[in-house]
Amino acid sequence: MHIQKWFALHNFFDEKNLAEITKLTDDVALTKARVISKNGKSLRNFLQRNCLSGWIHRDAKSDWLFKEITNCVNEVNNRTLKFDLQDGEIESLQYLEYGPFQFYNQHVDNGSDNVAARKYSVSIQLSDENDYVGGNLTIRGEGQSRYAPRGRGSIAVFPSHLLHQAKPVWIGKRKVIVAWIRGKKPLS
């Protein structure tokens, strides 16, 4: 299996699960999103990333979601790329909101710093596809499509080294949760 492949899982979460996820996102404190620089520091760069973000940390309320994401990625990994993953090593979830003219330019989710061991990135679509215009998540790899699924409750699972980009939203709001699964060591 080629490590440029990514996977779309349509309607992974049902409406009951999505209602529980929405409860989790209601408590998230949103701030202007940051990027990780080449030296590993977190900074604001409005030319690279312009959206709101917050964090969902693992606790008694969110544990089920972390388990669902981990199980999903493990299943995809076991059937396909077979990366050497750390057991249960999932980072805190990032909740993102993209309003009009907000975006995240082309980037990868791993590098030569403290995120080097990220193996999989996961994007969970929370908004209904009719809630916004624009805002496609493009993934530069070999998938069913060039774009991640827009259906509410759908997931895109892709190797963290693939270039991807959240195109600008023109009207409405796109809501998404992003997760990262780490491996035991970076790809060499």
Foldseek 3Di string as FASTA:
>chain_A
DDQLEKEKFPQQDPPVVLVLVVVQVVPWDKDFAWDQDPAGDTGHDQVAFGWIKGWRADDPSCVVVLVSVVVVVVVVCVVPVVAAFDVSAKGIKMKIKAAAFGKGAKDFQADDDPRQQWFKKKKAWADALVQFAAFWKAWPGDYPDRTHDNHHGMMMIHTRGIIIMGTGTHHGMTIIMMMTTGHPGGDD
